[in-house]
C-alpha atoms as a PDB file:
ATOM      1  CA  MET A   1      53.280  67.850  29.918  1.00  0.00           C
ATOM      2  CA  ILE A   2      49.951  69.411  30.942  1.00  0.00           C
ATOM      3  CA  PRO A   3      49.412  67.108  33.974  1.00  0.00           C
ATOM      4  CA  ILE A   4      52.904  67.784  35.115  1.00  0.00           C
ATOM      5  CA  PHE A   5      52.349  71.554  34.875  1.00  0.00           C
ATOM      6  CA  ARG A   6      49.150  71.354  36.979  1.00  0.00           C
ATOM      7  CA  GLN A   7      50.840  69.319  39.664  1.00  0.00           C
ATOM      8  CA  SER A   8      53.756  71.774  39.994  1.00  0.00           C
ATOM      9  CA  ALA A   9      51.344  74.689  40.412  1.00  0.00           C
ATOM     10  CA  ARG A  10      50.224  73.378  43.812  1.00  0.00           C
ATOM     11  CA  PRO A  11      51.960  74.899  46.906  1.00  0.00           C
ATOM     12  CA  LEU A  12      54.771  72.718  48.108  1.00  0.00           C
ATOM     13  CA  VAL A  13      54.551  71.575  51.766  1.00  0.00           C
ATOM     14  CA  SER A  14      57.621  70.099  53.368  1.00  0.00           C
ATOM     15  CA  VAL A  15      57.544  66.781  55.040  1.00  0.00           C
ATOM     16  CA  ARG A  16      58.532  68.391  58.339  1.00  0.00           C
ATOM     17  CA  ALA A  17      55.569  70.799  58.287  1.00  0.00           C
ATOM     18  CA  ARG A  18      53.165  67.936  57.581  1.00  0.00           C
ATOM     19  CA  THR A  19      54.614  66.018  60.456  1.00  0.00           C
ATOM     20  CA  LEU A  20      54.155  68.971  62.866  1.00  0.00           C
ATOM     21  CA  VAL A  21      50.545  69.444  61.754  1.00  0.00           C
ATOM     22  CA  GLY A  22      49.865  65.795  62.324  1.00  0.00           C
ATOM     23  CA  ARG A  23      51.368  65.916  65.804  1.00  0.00           C
ATOM     24  CA  ARG A  24      49.320  68.976  66.768  1.00  0.00           C
ATOM     25  CA  ALA A  25      46.151  67.289  65.618  1.00  0.00           C
ATOM     26  CA  ALA A  26      46.995  64.213  67.613  1.00  0.00           C
ATOM     27  CA  LEU A  27      47.692  66.276  70.734  1.00  0.00           C
ATOM     28  CA  ALA A  28      44.432  68.164  70.294  1.00  0.00           C
ATOM     29  CA  ALA A  29      42.541  64.902  69.969  1.00  0.00           C
ATOM     30  CA  THR A  30      44.119  63.328  73.005  1.00  0.00           C
ATOM     31  CA  GLY A  31      43.874  66.525  75.093  1.00  0.00           C
ATOM     32  CA  VAL A  32      40.069  66.577  74.993  1.00  0.00           C
ATOM     33  CA  ARG A  33      38.389  65.213  78.115  1.00  0.00           C
ATOM     34  CA  PHE A  34      34.927  65.406  79.607  1.00  0.00           C
ATOM     35  CA  ASN A  35      34.323  67.331  82.848  1.00  0.00           C
ATOM     36  CA  SER A  36      32.683  64.293  84.407  1.00  0.00           C
ATOM     37  CA  THR A  37      35.921  62.332  84.319  1.00  0.00           C
ATOM     38  CA  GLU A  38      38.882  62.758  86.706  1.00  0.00           C
ATOM     39  CA  THR A  39      42.514  62.476  85.856  1.00  0.00           C
ATOM     40  CA  PRO A  40      44.072  59.669  87.879  1.00  0.00           C
ATOM     41  CA  GLU A  41      46.994  60.557  90.105  1.00  0.00           C
ATOM     42  CA  PRO A  42      50.356  59.480  88.708  1.00  0.00           C
ATOM     43  CA  LYS A  43      51.954  56.513  90.351  1.00  0.00           C
ATOM     44  CA  PHE A  44      55.330  58.225  90.392  1.00  0.00           C
ATOM     45  CA  ASP A  45      56.389  61.626  91.780  1.00  0.00           C
ATOM     46  CA  THR A  46      56.625  63.905  88.752  1.00  0.00           C
ATOM     47  CA  SER A  47      57.712  67.026  90.727  1.00  0.00           C
ATOM     48  CA  LEU A  48      61.236  68.346  90.506  1.00  0.00           C
ATOM     49  CA  GLY A  49      63.746  66.834  92.898  1.00  0.00           C
ATOM     50  CA  PHE A  50      65.109  70.279  93.879  1.00  0.00           C
ATOM     51  CA  ASP A  51      64.029  73.834  94.570  1.00  0.00           C
ATOM     52  CA  ALA A  52      65.224  76.387  92.040  1.00  0.00           C
ATOM     53  CA  GLU A  53      65.584  79.067  94.714  1.00  0.00           C
ATOM     54  CA  THR A  54      67.607  76.736  96.914  1.00  0.00           C
ATOM     55  CA  VAL A  55      69.914  75.911  94.030  1.00  0.00           C
ATOM     56  CA  SER A  56      70.389  79.625  93.373  1.00  0.00           C
ATOM     57  CA  ASN A  57      71.283  80.243  97.024  1.00  0.00           C
ATOM     58  CA  VAL A  58      73.666  77.306  97.149  1.00  0.00           C
ATOM     59  CA  SER A  59      75.484  78.588  94.100  1.00  0.00           C
ATOM     60  CA  ASN A  60      76.044  81.914  95.907  1.00  0.00           C
ATOM     61  CA  VAL A  61      77.315  80.509  99.247  1.00  0.00           C
ATOM     62  CA  LEU A  62      80.426  82.295 100.534  1.00  0.00           C
ATOM     63  CA  THR A  63      83.367  80.753 102.335  1.00  0.00           C
ATOM     64  CA  SER A  64      85.075  82.167 105.417  1.00  0.00           C
ATOM     65  CA  ASP A  65      87.992  83.476 103.334  1.00  0.00           C
ATOM     66  CA  GLN A  66      85.692  85.765 101.314  1.00  0.00           C
ATOM     67  CA  TRP A  67      84.328  89.207 102.139  1.00  0.00           C
ATOM     68  CA  GLY A  68      80.771  89.203 103.410  1.00  0.00           C
ATOM     69  CA  TYR A  69      80.850  85.704 104.878  1.00  0.00           C
ATOM     70  CA  MET A  70      80.111  86.908 108.409  1.00  0.00           C
ATOM     71  CA  LYS A  71      76.952  88.713 107.340  1.00  0.00           C
ATOM     72  CA  SER A  72      75.863  85.757 105.203  1.00  0.00           C
ATOM     73  CA  VAL A  73      75.770  83.561 108.325  1.00  0.00           C
ATOM     74  CA  GLY A  74      74.100  86.190 110.533  1.00  0.00           C
ATOM     75  CA  LEU A  75      77.169  87.655 112.276  1.00  0.00           C
ATOM     76  CA  SER A  76      78.585  91.209 112.406  1.00  0.00           C
ATOM     77  CA  ASP A  77      75.213  92.714 111.515  1.00  0.00           C
ATOM     78  CA  GLY A  78      75.329  95.780 113.763  1.00  0.00           C
ATOM     79  CA  TRP A  79      77.501  98.266 115.624  1.00  0.00           C
ATOM     80  CA  TRP A  80      77.793  96.520 118.978  1.00  0.00           C
ATOM     81  CA  PRO A  81      81.345  95.843 120.222  1.00  0.00           C
ATOM     82  CA  SER A  82      80.939  92.132 119.456  1.00  0.00           C
ATOM     83  CA  ASP A  83      79.856  92.906 115.877  1.00  0.00           C
ATOM     84  CA  LEU A  84      82.829  95.225 115.355  1.00  0.00           C
ATOM     85  CA  ILE A  85      85.203  92.552 116.654  1.00  0.00           C
ATOM     86  CA  GLN A  86      83.716  89.990 114.250  1.00  0.00           C
ATOM     87  CA  THR A  87      84.073  92.404 111.333  1.00  0.00           C
ATOM     88  CA  THR A  88      87.702  93.071 112.268  1.00  0.00           C
ATOM     89  CA  LEU A  89      88.451  89.351 112.537  1.00  0.00           C
ATOM     90  CA  GLU A  90      86.942  88.761 109.104  1.00  0.00           C
ATOM     91  CA  ALA A  91      89.034  91.573 107.593  1.00  0.00           C
ATOM     92  CA  VAL A  92      92.259  90.179 109.055  1.00  0.00           C
ATOM     93  CA  HIS A  93      91.411  86.604 108.036  1.00  0.00           C
ATOM     94  CA  VAL A  94      90.521  87.515 104.444  1.00  0.00           C
ATOM     95  CA  THR A  95      93.413  89.909 103.819  1.00  0.00           C
ATOM     96  CA  THR A  96      96.184  87.874 105.457  1.00  0.00           C
ATOM     97  CA  GLY A  97      95.010  84.318 104.841  1.00  0.00           C
ATOM     98  CA  LEU A  98      96.046  83.328 108.371  1.00  0.00           C
ATOM     99  CA  PRO A  99      94.363  80.354 110.053  1.00  0.00           C
ATOM    100  CA  TRP A 100      91.712  81.254 112.574  1.00  0.00           C
ATOM    101  CA  TRP A 101      93.853  80.743 115.682  1.00  0.00           C
ATOM    102  CA  ALA A 102      96.492  83.124 114.290  1.00  0.00           C
ATOM    103  CA  THR A 103      93.785  85.545 113.133  1.00  0.00           C
ATOM    104  CA  ILE A 104      92.377  85.778 116.669  1.00  0.00           C
ATOM    105  CA  ALA A 105      95.829  86.201 118.215  1.00  0.00           C
ATOM    106  CA  ALA A 106      97.034  88.767 115.657  1.00  0.00           C
ATOM    107  CA  THR A 107      93.814  90.792 115.864  1.00  0.00           C
ATOM    108  CA  THR A 108      93.966  90.851 119.667  1.00  0.00           C
ATOM    109  CA  LEU A 109      97.580  92.012 119.692  1.00  0.00           C
ATOM    110  CA  GLY A 110      96.880  94.605 116.996  1.00  0.00           C
ATOM    111  CA  ILE A 111      93.888  96.113 118.797  1.00  0.00           C
ATOM    112  CA  ARG A 112      95.758  96.204 122.101  1.00  0.00           C
ATOM    113  CA  PHE A 113      98.660  97.989 120.409  1.00  0.00           C
ATOM    114  CA  ALA A 114      96.238 100.547 118.934  1.00  0.00           C
ATOM    115  CA  LEU A 115      94.772 101.169 122.412  1.00  0.00           C
ATOM    116  CA  LEU A 116      98.194 101.594 124.030  1.00  0.00           C
ATOM    117  CA  PRO A 117      98.169 105.455 123.916  1.00  0.00           C
ATOM    118  CA  LEU A 118      94.929 105.537 125.919  1.00  0.00           C
ATOM    119  CA  PHE A 119      96.388 103.250 128.577  1.00  0.00           C
ATOM    120  CA  MET A 120      99.468 105.472 128.641  1.00  0.00           C
ATOM    121  CA  ALA A 121      97.242 108.482 129.391  1.00  0.00           C
ATOM    122  CA  SER A 122      95.575 106.592 132.252  1.00  0.00           C
ATOM    123  CA  SER A 123      98.933 105.484 133.634  1.00  0.00           C
ATOM    124  CA  ASP A 124     100.240 109.055 133.507  1.00  0.00           C
ATOM    125  CA  ALA A 125      97.162 110.384 135.352  1.00  0.00           C
ATOM    126  CA  MET A 126      97.427 107.673 138.012  1.00  0.00           C
ATOM    127  CA  ALA A 127     101.132 108.349 138.563  1.00  0.00           C
ATOM    128  CA  ARG A 128     100.419 112.065 139.044  1.00  0.00           C
ATOM    129  CA  SER A 129      97.588 111.296 141.445  1.00  0.00           C
ATOM    130  CA  GLN A 130      99.840 108.916 143.362  1.00  0.00           C
ATOM    131  CA  ALA A 131     102.509 111.631 143.695  1.00  0.00           C
ATOM    132  CA  ALA A 132      99.970 114.146 145.003  1.00  0.00           C
ATOM    133  CA  ALA A 133      98.279 111.620 147.316  1.00  0.00           C
ATOM    134  CA  PRO A 134     100.137 112.517 150.578  1.00  0.00           C
ATOM    135  CA  GLU A 135      99.254 116.211 150.345  1.00  0.00           C
ATOM    136  CA  THR A 136      95.771 115.504 149.044  1.00  0.00           C
ATOM    137  CA  LYS A 137      95.079 113.152 151.937  1.00  0.00           C
ATOM    138  CA  VAL A 138      95.872 115.869 154.512  1.00  0.00           C
ATOM    139  CA  LEU A 139      93.665 118.416 152.758  1.00  0.00           C
ATOM    140  CA  ARG A 140      90.784 115.975 152.460  1.00  0.00           C
ATOM    141  CA  LYS A 141      90.928 115.192 156.172  1.00  0.00           C
ATOM    142  CA  GLU A 142      90.735 118.893 156.945  1.00  0.00           C
ATOM    143  CA  LEU A 143      87.885 119.238 154.459  1.00  0.00           C
ATOM    144  CA  ASN A 144      85.967 116.366 156.038  1.00  0.00           C
ATOM    145  CA  SER A 145      86.422 117.747 159.532  1.00  0.00           C
ATOM    146  CA  ALA A 146      85.157 121.136 158.338  1.00  0.00           C
ATOM    147  CA  MET A 147      82.132 119.426 156.805  1.00  0.00           C
ATOM    148  CA  ALA A 148      81.488 117.664 160.129  1.00  0.00           C
ATOM    149  CA  ARG A 149      81.578 121.007 161.947  1.00  0.00           C
ATOM    150  CA  GLY A 150      79.421 122.669 159.340  1.00  0.00           C
ATOM    151  CA  ASP A 151      82.124 125.247 158.630  1.00  0.00           C
ATOM    152  CA  ARG A 152      81.236 126.402 155.109  1.00  0.00           C
ATOM    153  CA  MET A 153      84.065 128.898 154.835  1.00  0.00           C
ATOM    154  CA  THR A 154      86.758 126.323 155.639  1.00  0.00           C
ATOM    155  CA  GLN A 155      85.161 123.852 153.224  1.00  0.00           C
ATOM    156  CA  GLN A 156      85.446 126.286 150.331  1.00  0.00           C
ATOM    157  CA  LEU A 157      89.046 127.136 151.216  1.00  0.00           C
ATOM    158  CA  LYS A 158      90.100 123.472 151.365  1.00  0.00           C
ATOM    159  CA  MET A 159      88.357 122.675 148.094  1.00  0.00           C
ATOM    160  CA  GLN A 160      90.243 125.519 146.426  1.00  0.00           C
ATOM    161  CA  GLU A 161      93.516 124.198 147.837  1.00  0.00           C
ATOM    162  CA  ILE A 162      92.795 120.709 146.493  1.00  0.00           C
ATOM    163  CA  LYS A 163      92.073 122.153 143.042  1.00  0.00           C
ATOM    164  CA  LYS A 164      95.347 124.093 143.102  1.00  0.00           C
ATOM    165  CA  LEU A 165      97.220 120.969 144.182  1.00  0.00           C
ATOM    166  CA  ASN A 166      95.714 118.911 141.338  1.00  0.00           C
ATOM    167  CA  LYS A 167      96.616 121.664 138.896  1.00  0.00           C
ATOM    168  CA  LYS A 168     100.164 121.729 140.258  1.00  0.00           C
ATOM    169  CA  TYR A 169     100.649 117.998 139.628  1.00  0.00           C
ATOM    170  CA  GLY A 170      98.549 117.959 136.466  1.00  0.00           C
ATOM    171  CA  VAL A 171      96.017 115.472 137.838  1.00  0.00           C
ATOM    172  CA  LYS A 172      93.051 114.851 135.519  1.00  0.00           C
ATOM    173  CA  TYR A 173      90.673 112.349 137.033  1.00  0.00           C
ATOM    174  CA  SER A 174      88.806 111.825 133.766  1.00  0.00           C
ATOM    175  CA  ARG A 175      91.887 110.163 132.271  1.00  0.00           C
ATOM    176  CA  MET A 176      92.144 107.763 135.183  1.00  0.00           C
ATOM    177  CA  PHE A 177      88.881 106.101 134.151  1.00  0.00           C
ATOM    178  CA  LEU A 178      89.867 105.695 130.508  1.00  0.00           C
ATOM    179  CA  SER A 179      91.570 102.320 130.860  1.00  0.00           C
ATOM    180  CA  PRO A 180      88.849 100.594 132.933  1.00  0.00           C
ATOM    181  CA  GLY A 181      86.134 101.725 130.530  1.00  0.00           C
ATOM    182  CA  ILE A 182      88.115 100.789 127.436  1.00  0.00           C
ATOM    183  CA  GLN A 183      89.174  97.440 128.836  1.00  0.00           C
ATOM    184  CA  LEU A 184      85.610  96.577 129.850  1.00  0.00           C
ATOM    185  CA  THR A 185      84.113  97.478 126.464  1.00  0.00           C
ATOM    186  CA  TYR A 186      86.823  95.751 124.455  1.00  0.00           C
ATOM    187  CA  GLY A 187      86.874  92.666 126.678  1.00  0.00           C
ATOM    188  CA  ILE A 188      83.104  92.154 126.567  1.00  0.00           C
ATOM    189  CA  GLY A 189      83.005  92.680 122.799  1.00  0.00           C
ATOM    190  CA  SER A 190      85.825  90.216 122.143  1.00  0.00           C
ATOM    191  CA  PHE A 191      84.484  87.564 124.503  1.00  0.00           C
ATOM    192  CA  PHE A 192      80.926  87.522 123.177  1.00  0.00           C
ATOM    193  CA  GLY A 193      81.969  88.044 119.548  1.00  0.00           C
ATOM    194  CA  ILE A 194      84.442  85.151 119.459  1.00  0.00           C
ATOM    195  CA  ARG A 195      82.195  82.891 121.525  1.00  0.00           C
ATOM    196  CA  GLU A 196      79.347  83.463 119.071  1.00  0.00           C
ATOM    197  CA  MET A 197      81.648  82.584 116.170  1.00  0.00           C
ATOM    198  CA  ALA A 198      82.676  79.346 117.893  1.00  0.00           C
ATOM    199  CA  ASN A 199      79.096  78.388 118.755  1.00  0.00           C
ATOM    200  CA  LEU A 200      77.867  78.838 115.163  1.00  0.00           C
ATOM    201  CA  PRO A 201      80.538  77.648 114.186  1.00  0.00           C
ATOM    202  CA  VAL A 202      82.309  79.775 111.591  1.00  0.00           C
ATOM    203  CA  GLN A 203      83.729  77.747 108.712  1.00  0.00           C
ATOM    204  CA  GLY A 204      87.282  76.670 109.515  1.00  0.00           C
ATOM    205  CA  PHE A 205      86.974  76.833 113.290  1.00  0.00           C
ATOM    206  CA  GLU A 206      86.790  73.037 113.450  1.00  0.00           C
ATOM    207  CA  ASN A 207      90.247  72.461 111.948  1.00  0.00           C
ATOM    208  CA  GLN A 208      92.213  75.732 112.008  1.00  0.00           C
ATOM    209  CA  GLY A 209      93.544  75.515 115.534  1.00  0.00           C
ATOM    210  CA  LEU A 210      97.073  74.653 116.626  1.00  0.00           C
ATOM    211  CA  TYR A 211      98.798  71.677 118.243  1.00  0.00           C
ATOM    212  CA  TRP A 212      96.527  70.084 120.838  1.00  0.00           C
ATOM    213  CA  PHE A 213      93.642  72.544 120.352  1.00  0.00           C
ATOM    214  CA  ASN A 214      93.088  71.990 116.635  1.00  0.00           C
ATOM    215  CA  ASP A 215      89.306  72.330 117.053  1.00  0.00           C
ATOM    216  CA  LEU A 216      88.593  75.909 118.132  1.00  0.00           C
ATOM    217  CA  THR A 217      84.932  75.153 118.785  1.00  0.00           C
ATOM    218  CA  ALA A 218      85.703  72.621 121.530  1.00  0.00           C
ATOM    219  CA  PRO A 219      87.208  73.218 124.995  1.00  0.00           C
ATOM    220  CA  ASP A 220      90.882  72.533 125.565  1.00  0.00           C
ATOM    221  CA  PRO A 221      90.894  68.874 126.695  1.00  0.00           C
ATOM    222  CA  TYR A 222      94.130  69.302 128.662  1.00  0.00           C
ATOM    223  CA  ILE A 223      93.247  72.702 130.266  1.00  0.00           C
ATOM    224  CA  GLY A 224      96.539  73.968 128.858  1.00  0.00           C
ATOM    225  CA  LEU A 225      95.232  77.265 127.511  1.00  0.00           C
ATOM    226  CA  GLN A 226      93.424  77.935 130.782  1.00  0.00           C
ATOM    227  CA  LEU A 227      96.634  77.501 132.778  1.00  0.00           C
ATOM    228  CA  ILE A 228      98.726  79.555 130.343  1.00  0.00           C
ATOM    229  CA  SER A 229      96.279  82.469 130.330  1.00  0.00           C
ATOM    230  CA  ALA A 230      95.947  82.327 134.141  1.00  0.00           C
ATOM    231  CA  CYS A 231      99.729  82.547 134.560  1.00  0.00           C
ATOM    232  CA  LEU A 232      99.925  85.480 132.148  1.00  0.00           C
ATOM    233  CA  TYR A 233      97.223  87.450 133.945  1.00  0.00           C
ATOM    234  CA  ALA A 234      98.784  86.733 137.350  1.00  0.00           C
ATOM    235  CA  VAL A 235     102.125  88.120 136.149  1.00  0.00           C
ATOM    236  CA  SER A 236     100.296  91.132 134.707  1.00  0.00           C
ATOM    237  CA  PHE A 237      98.718  91.848 138.111  1.00  0.00           C
ATOM    238  CA  ARG A 238     102.155  91.513 139.666  1.00  0.00           C
ATOM    239  CA  PHE A 239     103.434  94.304 137.407  1.00  0.00           C
ATOM    240  CA  GLY A 240     100.564  96.629 138.271  1.00  0.00           C
ATOM    241  CA  GLY A 241      97.937  95.613 135.748  1.00  0.00           C
ATOM    242  CA  GLU A 242      97.122  97.420 132.526  1.00  0.00           C
ATOM    243  CA  THR A 243      98.454 100.808 133.688  1.00  0.00           C
ATOM    244  CA  ALA A 244     101.465  99.431 135.630  1.00  0.00           C
ATOM    245  CA  VAL A 245     100.447 101.646 138.580  1.00  0.00           C
ATOM    246  CA  SER A 246      99.585  99.641 141.659  1.00  0.00           C
ATOM    247  CA  GLN A 247      95.959 100.377 142.482  1.00  0.00           C
ATOM    248  CA  PHE A 248      95.882  98.067 145.497  1.00  0.00           C
ATOM    249  CA  GLY A 249      97.928  97.455 148.593  1.00  0.00           C
ATOM    250  CA  ALA A 250     100.410  94.610 148.891  1.00  0.00           C
ATOM    251  CA  LYS A 251      97.958  92.194 150.520  1.00  0.00           C
ATOM    252  CA  THR A 252      95.148  92.964 148.100  1.00  0.00           C
ATOM    253  CA  GLN A 253      97.514  92.635 145.155  1.00  0.00           C
ATOM    254  CA  LYS A 254      98.540  89.126 146.245  1.00  0.00           C
ATOM    255  CA  ALA A 255      94.899  88.152 146.508  1.00  0.00           C
ATOM    256  CA  PHE A 256      94.269  89.434 142.989  1.00  0.00           C
ATOM    257  CA  MET A 257      97.161  87.354 141.666  1.00  0.00           C
ATOM    258  CA  ALA A 258      95.312  84.222 142.792  1.00  0.00           C
ATOM    259  CA  LEU A 259      92.071  85.154 141.016  1.00  0.00           C
ATOM    260  CA  PRO A 260      93.148  84.010 137.506  1.00  0.00           C
ATOM    261  CA  PHE A 261      93.791  80.499 138.802  1.00  0.00           C
ATOM    262  CA  LEU A 262      90.453  80.425 140.602  1.00  0.00           C
ATOM    263  CA  SER A 263      88.756  81.498 137.368  1.00  0.00           C
ATOM    264  CA  ILE A 264      89.693  78.151 135.763  1.00  0.00           C
ATOM    265  CA  VAL A 265      86.545  76.821 137.433  1.00  0.00           C
ATOM    266  CA  PHE A 266      84.568  79.013 135.006  1.00  0.00           C
ATOM    267  CA  THR A 267      86.821  78.761 131.917  1.00  0.00           C
ATOM    268  CA  TRP A 268      87.494  75.012 131.776  1.00  0.00           C
ATOM    269  CA  ASN A 269      84.576  74.384 129.387  1.00  0.00           C
ATOM    270  CA  MET A 270      85.006  77.484 127.196  1.00  0.00           C
ATOM    271  CA  SER A 271      85.876  77.059 123.540  1.00  0.00           C
ATOM    272  CA  ALA A 272      89.524  77.110 122.527  1.00  0.00           C
ATOM    273  CA  ALA A 273      88.861  80.184 120.360  1.00  0.00           C
ATOM    274  CA  VAL A 274      87.911  82.260 123.417  1.00  0.00           C
ATOM    275  CA  LEU A 275      90.931  80.942 125.322  1.00  0.00           C
ATOM    276  CA  VAL A 276      93.244  81.915 122.450  1.00  0.00           C
ATOM    277  CA  TYR A 277      91.928  85.458 122.874  1.00  0.00           C
ATOM    278  CA  PHE A 278      92.518  85.312 126.648  1.00  0.00           C
ATOM    279  CA  THR A 279      96.069  84.079 126.107  1.00  0.00           C
ATOM    280  CA  ALA A 280      96.964  86.727 123.522  1.00  0.00           C
ATOM    281  CA  ASN A 281      95.382  89.461 125.629  1.00  0.00           C
ATOM    282  CA  GLY A 282      97.272  88.339 128.748  1.00  0.00           C
ATOM    283  CA  LEU A 283     100.551  88.259 126.830  1.00  0.00           C
ATOM    284  CA  PHE A 284     100.134  91.834 125.641  1.00  0.00           C
ATOM    285  CA  SER A 285      99.130  92.924 129.154  1.00  0.00           C
ATOM    286  CA  ILE A 286     102.546  91.798 130.408  1.00  0.00           C
ATOM    287  CA  ILE A 287     104.344  93.578 127.553  1.00  0.00           C
ATOM    288  CA  GLN A 288     102.335  96.749 128.194  1.00  0.00           C
ATOM    289  CA  ALA A 289     102.949  96.641 131.940  1.00  0.00           C
ATOM    290  CA  ARG A 290     106.689  96.209 131.421  1.00  0.00           C
ATOM    291  CA  LEU A 291     106.785  99.163 129.037  1.00  0.00           C
ATOM    292  CA  LEU A 292     104.813 101.430 131.358  1.00  0.00           C
ATOM    293  CA  ARG A 293     107.011 100.489 134.314  1.00  0.00           C
ATOM    294  CA  SER A 294     110.164 101.363 132.384  1.00  0.00           C
ATOM    295  CA  ALA A 295     111.598 104.742 133.442  1.00  0.00           C
ATOM    296  CA  LYS A 296     113.258 105.187 130.038  1.00  0.00           C
ATOM    297  CA  PHE A 297     110.024 104.533 128.169  1.00  0.00           C
ATOM    298  CA  ARG A 298     108.062 106.937 130.381  1.00  0.00           C
ATOM    299  CA  LYS A 299     110.680 109.645 129.970  1.00  0.00           C
ATOM    300  CA  MET A 300     110.794 109.142 126.204  1.00  0.00           C
ATOM    301  CA  CYS A 301     106.992 109.424 125.975  1.00  0.00           C
ATOM    302  CA  GLY A 302     106.790 112.425 128.335  1.00  0.00           C
ATOM    303  CA  MET A 303     104.931 110.520 131.044  1.00  0.00           C
ATOM    304  CA  TYR A 304     105.097 111.370 134.736  1.00  0.00           C
ATOM    305  CA  PRO A 305     107.665 109.192 136.560  1.00  0.00           C
ATOM    306  CA  MET A 306     106.332 106.451 138.774  1.00  0.00           C
ATOM    307  CA  GLN A 307     106.635 106.765 142.529  1.00  0.00           C
ATOM    308  CA  LYS A 308     108.021 103.903 144.576  1.00  0.00           C
ATOM    309  CA  PRO A 309     105.364 103.119 147.167  1.00  0.00           C
ATOM    310  CA  ALA A 310     106.359 102.310 150.722  1.00  0.00           C
ATOM    311  CA  LYS A 311     105.983  98.781 152.025  1.00  0.00           C
ATOM    312  CA  ASP A 312     102.995  99.695 154.189  1.00  0.00           C
ATOM    313  CA  SER A 313     101.482 102.084 151.666  1.00  0.00           C
ATOM    314  CA  LYS A 314      97.948 101.618 150.409  1.00  0.00           C
ATOM    315  CA  GLY A 315      96.896 101.565 146.810  1.00  0.00           C
ATOM    316  CA  LEU A 316      94.645 104.039 145.072  1.00  0.00           C
ATOM    317  CA  VAL A 317      91.571 101.909 145.652  1.00  0.00           C
ATOM    318  CA  GLU A 318      92.251 101.552 149.388  1.00  0.00           C
ATOM    319  CA  ASN A 319      92.905 105.285 149.729  1.00  0.00           C
ATOM    320  CA  PHE A 320      89.698 106.085 147.892  1.00  0.00           C
ATOM    321  CA  SER A 321      87.745 103.632 150.055  1.00  0.00           C
ATOM    322  CA  GLU A 322      89.236 105.116 153.209  1.00  0.00           C
ATOM    323  CA  THR A 323      88.405 108.648 152.088  1.00  0.00           C
ATOM    324  CA  TRP A 324      84.863 107.619 151.229  1.00  0.00           C
ATOM    325  CA  LYS A 325      84.450 105.986 154.630  1.00  0.00           C
ATOM    326  CA  GLU A 326      85.692 109.130 156.369  1.00  0.00           C
ATOM    327  CA  MET A 327      83.261 111.237 154.358  1.00  0.00           C
ATOM    328  CA  GLN A 328      80.386 108.982 155.387  1.00  0.00           C
ATOM    329  CA  GLU A 329      81.408 109.151 159.044  1.00  0.00           C
ATOM    330  CA  ASN A 330      81.728 112.929 158.891  1.00  0.00           C
ATOM    331  CA  THR A 331      78.343 113.147 157.205  1.00  0.00           C
ATOM    332  CA  GLU A 332      76.790 111.151 160.031  1.00  0.00           C
ATOM    333  CA  VAL A 333      78.454 113.404 162.619  1.00  0.00           C
ATOM    334  CA  ARG A 334      77.224 116.497 160.786  1.00  0.00           C
ATOM    335  CA  GLU A 335      73.681 115.126 160.545  1.00  0.00           C
ATOM    336  CA  LYS A 336      73.668 114.391 164.273  1.00  0.00           C
ATOM    337  CA  ALA A 337      74.958 117.894 165.008  1.00  0.00           C
ATOM    338  CA  ASP A 338      72.302 119.417 162.741  1.00  0.00           C
ATOM    339  CA  GLU A 339      69.590 117.351 164.400  1.00  0.00           C
ATOM    340  CA  LYS A 340      70.829 118.420 167.825  1.00  0.00           C
ATOM    341  CA  ALA A 341      70.782 122.060 166.740  1.00  0.00           C
ATOM    342  CA  ARG A 342      67.244 121.715 165.369  1.00  0.00           C
ATOM    343  CA  ASN A 343      66.035 120.131 168.589  1.00  0.00           C
ATOM    344  CA  ALA A 344      67.626 122.926 170.604  1.00  0.00           C
ATOM    345  CA  ALA A 345      65.969 125.510 168.377  1.00  0.00           C
ATOM    346  CA  LEU A 346      62.601 123.806 168.804  1.00  0.00           C
ATOM    347  CA  ARG A 347      63.022 123.783 172.566  1.00  0.00           C
ATOM    348  CA  GLN A 348      63.829 127.484 172.502  1.00  0.00           C
ATOM    349  CA  MET A 349      60.733 128.173 170.414  1.00  0.00           C
ATOM    350  CA  VAL A 350      58.524 126.162 172.770  1.00  0.00           C
ATOM    351  CA  LYS A 351      60.049 127.919 175.756  1.00  0.00           C
ATOM    352  CA  ALA A 352      59.515 131.332 174.163  1.00  0.00           C
ATOM    353  CA  LYS A 353      55.886 130.516 173.380  1.00  0.00           C
ATOM    354  CA  SER A 354      55.244 129.343 176.918  1.00  0.00           C
ATOM    355  CA  GLN A 355      56.822 132.516 178.309  1.00  0.00           C
ATOM    356  CA  ARG A 356      54.646 134.679 176.053  1.00  0.00           C
ATOM    357  CA  ALA A 357      51.588 132.737 177.141  1.00  0.00           C
ATOM    358  CA  ILE A 358      52.462 133.302 180.813  1.00  0.00           C
ATOM    359  CA  ILE A 359      53.008 137.026 180.228  1.00  0.00           C
ATOM    360  CA  GLU A 360      49.722 137.377 178.335  1.00  0.00           C
ATOM    361  CA  GLN A 361      47.836 135.549 181.100  1.00  0.00           C
ATOM    362  CA  ARG A 362      49.489 137.735 183.738  1.00  0.00           C
ATOM    363  CA  ASP A 363      48.529 140.912 181.872  1.00  0.00           C
ATOM    364  CA  LYS A 364      44.921 139.792 181.780  1.00  0.00           C
END
C-alpha cells in the first residue's frame, strides 16, 4: 500500500502533453544550424499560387447590372457631359434591366423629351424673328447707310426703332441660341460617352444588341444603321431641323439634306452602340420637328405661329450673312470717307502753315 501511495502523489502528466513536449524538443533540435552553412534552395516552388489582394478584388468585382460598375471600370468619374451620359445610361440599365441597345435608345429618347421645352423656346424666338424680318431688314439697311455716312444721330434713331420692333414682336435673341448650344453639348457628350463604353468594352456590349447588330462594340457589317440614321436626319432637315423653323434657303436646305448620306464615309466603321444613339436621336428629331410645325401644338403651348416663307425667300442664316456683308461694306466705305476727311484736314493744316510762314516772312 505504501508504494502505491507514493506513486499516486506524483503529478499526473497526460500522454498528449508528453507528446507535445517531445515534438517541441525535436523541432528545437532540428532547427539549430551553424552560420557557416547555407540552406539549399527548394527544388519546388513553395510560394502561394495566388495573391491574397487579387483574390479579394476578384471577389468584389461588379457586373454591369449593379450600381457602381461604371466607376469600377474607370468610366463616369467626373462631371463632363460624357461622364454624365454614362452615369445616366448606368442608372437606366440597372433600374429597368433593359439590354444595352434598348438602354441607349430609351435614354436618348428620354433626354430629348426632357430638352423639348428648351427647343420650343428657341423655335418660338426664331418664329418671332422671322415675322419681324421684313421690317428689321429695312431698318438695318438704313442703319448701315447712316453708319457709312458717319451720321451718328440717325444711327441712334434707327437702333432705337429696331429695339422697339423687337419688343413689339417679342424677339429675344438669347433664346435663339439655346438649341444650337444644347444640341452641341448633348451630342458631343453622348457620342464620346457611348464610344468610350464600346471601346472598353462595357460588360454586355458584346451580346446585348439586336438582330444583325448583336455586338454593339463592332461596326454594323451591313451599313444598315448608317443608312437608317442618314434617312432620319435628312427627313429632319426637310422639316426644318430641331426647331422646325427653316434657317436656310431652299437651295441650301436641299444641300443639307444630302449631308447625312455623305457622312456615311465617316460613320461606316463606328461601333453599333454609337449608331443606335444616332438612330434614336434622328427619330426623335423628326417627332420634334413635326410637333413644332403643327399649328395646333404651337397654339396649345402658346408659341408664336410659324410664317410661311415665300419661294424665293432666304433663311435666317442667309439673311444674317447678307446683313453682315452689308455692314462690312459700309464699314469699308466709312473708313475710306474718314481717311479722305483726315487727308483733307492735313492738307488744310499744311496750307495754313505755309500761309503763316509766307506772312511772317513778308512782315520781316
